[in-house]
Amino acid sequence: MSMEMFDPTARPAARTTVLARRPATLTGLRIGLVDNTKFNSEPILQRMAQHLGHRHGMTVAHLDRKRSASHEVAESAIEAFKRRVDFVVSGIGD
């Protein structure tokens, strides 16, 4: 019988992160919202979207609700976001 030991103090593996291109202006952009199903997540997102709508003329073009906070966004929702929105806000509640 062999046993493999892991050192919990080891450094995490380095990885490269590429940030999304930022829009030059917020005027008229289409927002995508991801509700993570936690308490108050959707009302918080809707309030933020309403504020952006009043201030910048933005509209909510797609809203997706995850199965639970611990689940990833469904692939079909990702494809819908790519087709319908200019940027996505993933919200949390509680």
C-alpha atoms as a PDB file:
ATOM      1  CA  MET A   1       0.000   0.000   0.000  1.00  0.00           C
ATOM      2  CA  SER A   2       1.410   3.387  -0.938  1.00  0.00           C
ATOM      3  CA  MET A   3       0.442   6.765   0.375  1.00  0.00           C
ATOM      4  CA  GLU A   4       0.869  10.110  -1.323  1.00  0.00           C
ATOM      5  CA  MET A   5       1.375  13.154   0.905  1.00  0.00           C
ATOM      6  CA  PHE A   6       0.523  16.725  -0.058  1.00  0.00           C
ATOM      7  CA  ASP A   7       2.154  19.770   1.493  1.00  0.00           C
ATOM      8  CA  PRO A   8      -0.613  22.307   2.271  1.00  0.00           C
ATOM      9  CA  THR A   9       1.995  25.065   2.581  1.00  0.00           C
ATOM     10  CA  ALA A  10       3.169  24.676  -1.023  1.00  0.00           C
ATOM     11  CA  ARG A  11       2.758  27.697  -3.308  1.00  0.00           C
ATOM     12  CA  PRO A  12      -0.126  27.602  -5.786  1.00  0.00           C
ATOM     13  CA  ALA A  13       0.728  26.912  -9.408  1.00  0.00           C
ATOM     14  CA  ALA A  14       1.206  30.111 -11.404  1.00  0.00           C
ATOM     15  CA  ARG A  15      -1.286  30.791 -14.174  1.00  0.00           C
ATOM     16  CA  THR A  16      -1.884  33.593 -16.615  1.00  0.00           C
ATOM     17  CA  THR A  17      -5.079  35.634 -16.415  1.00  0.00           C
ATOM     18  CA  VAL A  18      -6.357  37.645 -19.354  1.00  0.00           C
ATOM     19  CA  LEU A  19      -8.751  40.439 -18.477  1.00  0.00           C
ATOM     20  CA  ALA A  20     -11.659  41.328 -20.734  1.00  0.00           C
ATOM     21  CA  ARG A  21     -11.385  44.455 -22.865  1.00  0.00           C
ATOM     22  CA  ARG A  22     -13.065  47.411 -21.148  1.00  0.00           C
ATOM     23  CA  PRO A  23     -15.677  49.413 -23.067  1.00  0.00           C
ATOM     24  CA  ALA A  24     -14.788  53.017 -23.909  1.00  0.00           C
ATOM     25  CA  THR A  25     -18.233  54.151 -22.714  1.00  0.00           C
ATOM     26  CA  LEU A  26     -21.168  52.629 -20.847  1.00  0.00           C
ATOM     27  CA  THR A  27     -23.794  54.467 -22.885  1.00  0.00           C
ATOM     28  CA  GLY A  28     -26.420  52.116 -24.291  1.00  0.00           C
ATOM     29  CA  LEU A  29     -24.648  48.859 -23.452  1.00  0.00           C
ATOM     30  CA  ARG A  30     -26.564  45.603 -22.974  1.00  0.00           C
ATOM     31  CA  ILE A  31     -26.111  44.004 -19.555  1.00  0.00           C
ATOM     32  CA  GLY A  32     -26.117  40.299 -18.741  1.00  0.00           C
ATOM     33  CA  LEU A  33     -26.895  39.286 -15.156  1.00  0.00           C
ATOM     34  CA  VAL A  34     -26.017  36.044 -13.368  1.00  0.00           C
ATOM     35  CA  ASP A  35     -28.107  35.391 -10.267  1.00  0.00           C
ATOM     36  CA  ASN A  36     -26.244  32.962  -8.031  1.00  0.00           C
ATOM     37  CA  THR A  37     -29.474  31.992  -6.156  1.00  0.00           C
ATOM     38  CA  LYS A  38     -28.394  33.389  -2.794  1.00  0.00           C
ATOM     39  CA  PHE A  39     -30.940  35.421  -0.838  1.00  0.00           C
ATOM     40  CA  ASN A  40     -31.406  38.892  -2.379  1.00  0.00           C
ATOM     41  CA  SER A  41     -29.080  38.221  -5.317  1.00  0.00           C
ATOM     42  CA  GLU A  42     -31.644  38.997  -8.010  1.00  0.00           C
ATOM     43  CA  PRO A  43     -33.057  42.160  -6.350  1.00  0.00           C
ATOM     44  CA  ILE A  44     -29.528  43.504  -5.861  1.00  0.00           C
ATOM     45  CA  LEU A  45     -28.657  42.829  -9.507  1.00  0.00           C
ATOM     46  CA  GLN A  46     -31.914  44.350 -10.756  1.00  0.00           C
ATOM     47  CA  ARG A  47     -31.378  47.477  -8.650  1.00  0.00           C
ATOM     48  CA  MET A  48     -27.837  47.872  -9.983  1.00  0.00           C
ATOM     49  CA  ALA A  49     -29.098  47.388 -13.557  1.00  0.00           C
ATOM     50  CA  GLN A  50     -31.849  49.942 -12.974  1.00  0.00           C
ATOM     51  CA  HIS A  51     -29.271  52.456 -11.752  1.00  0.00           C
ATOM     52  CA  LEU A  52     -27.069  51.807 -14.799  1.00  0.00           C
ATOM     53  CA  GLY A  53     -30.129  52.170 -17.036  1.00  0.00           C
ATOM     54  CA  HIS A  54     -31.008  55.565 -15.606  1.00  0.00           C
ATOM     55  CA  ARG A  55     -27.427  56.802 -15.620  1.00  0.00           C
ATOM     56  CA  HIS A  56     -26.120  55.342 -18.895  1.00  0.00           C
ATOM     57  CA  GLY A  57     -29.144  54.157 -20.891  1.00  0.00           C
ATOM     58  CA  MET A  58     -28.159  50.516 -20.407  1.00  0.00           C
ATOM     59  CA  THR A  59     -30.636  47.629 -20.672  1.00  0.00           C
ATOM     60  CA  VAL A  60     -30.727  44.090 -19.278  1.00  0.00           C
ATOM     61  CA  ALA A  61     -30.520  41.822 -22.307  1.00  0.00           C
ATOM     62  CA  HIS A  62     -30.197  38.457 -20.561  1.00  0.00           C
ATOM     63  CA  LEU A  63     -30.616  37.124 -17.008  1.00  0.00           C
ATOM     64  CA  ASP A  64     -29.468  33.669 -15.977  1.00  0.00           C
ATOM     65  CA  ARG A  65     -30.107  31.971 -12.650  1.00  0.00           C
ATOM     66  CA  LYS A  66     -27.587  29.313 -11.636  1.00  0.00           C
ATOM     67  CA  ARG A  67     -28.777  26.003 -10.156  1.00  0.00           C
ATOM     68  CA  SER A  68     -27.033  26.963  -6.904  1.00  0.00           C
ATOM     69  CA  ALA A  69     -24.297  29.283  -5.721  1.00  0.00           C
ATOM     70  CA  SER A  70     -21.734  26.489  -5.970  1.00  0.00           C
ATOM     71  CA  HIS A  71     -22.593  25.531  -9.570  1.00  0.00           C
ATOM     72  CA  GLU A  72     -20.977  27.047 -12.631  1.00  0.00           C
ATOM     73  CA  VAL A  73     -22.890  29.066 -15.197  1.00  0.00           C
ATOM     74  CA  ALA A  74     -24.455  26.686 -17.712  1.00  0.00           C
ATOM     75  CA  GLU A  75     -22.757  26.479 -21.121  1.00  0.00           C
ATOM     76  CA  SER A  76     -26.025  27.424 -22.839  1.00  0.00           C
ATOM     77  CA  ALA A  77     -26.197  30.611 -20.728  1.00  0.00           C
ATOM     78  CA  ILE A  78     -22.596  31.469 -21.618  1.00  0.00           C
ATOM     79  CA  GLU A  79     -23.451  31.159 -25.303  1.00  0.00           C
ATOM     80  CA  ALA A  80     -26.540  33.370 -24.823  1.00  0.00           C
ATOM     81  CA  PHE A  81     -24.425  35.979 -23.048  1.00  0.00           C
ATOM     82  CA  LYS A  82     -21.907  35.960 -25.913  1.00  0.00           C
ATOM     83  CA  ARG A  83     -24.677  36.608 -28.455  1.00  0.00           C
ATOM     84  CA  ARG A  84     -26.851  39.065 -26.542  1.00  0.00           C
ATOM     85  CA  VAL A  85     -24.821  41.236 -24.159  1.00  0.00           C
ATOM     86  CA  ASP A  86     -21.855  43.582 -23.995  1.00  0.00           C
ATOM     87  CA  PHE A  87     -20.813  42.606 -20.466  1.00  0.00           C
ATOM     88  CA  VAL A  88     -21.937  40.382 -17.593  1.00  0.00           C
ATOM     89  CA  VAL A  89     -22.305  41.058 -13.887  1.00  0.00           C
ATOM     90  CA  SER A  90     -22.321  38.028 -11.636  1.00  0.00           C
ATOM     91  CA  GLY A  91     -24.063  38.837  -8.375  1.00  0.00           C
ATOM     92  CA  ILE A  92     -24.118  37.555  -4.897  1.00  0.00           C
ATOM     93  CA  GLY A  93     -26.730  37.936  -2.217  1.00  0.00           C
ATOM     94  CA  ASP A  94     -26.926  37.370   1.528  1.00  0.00           C
END
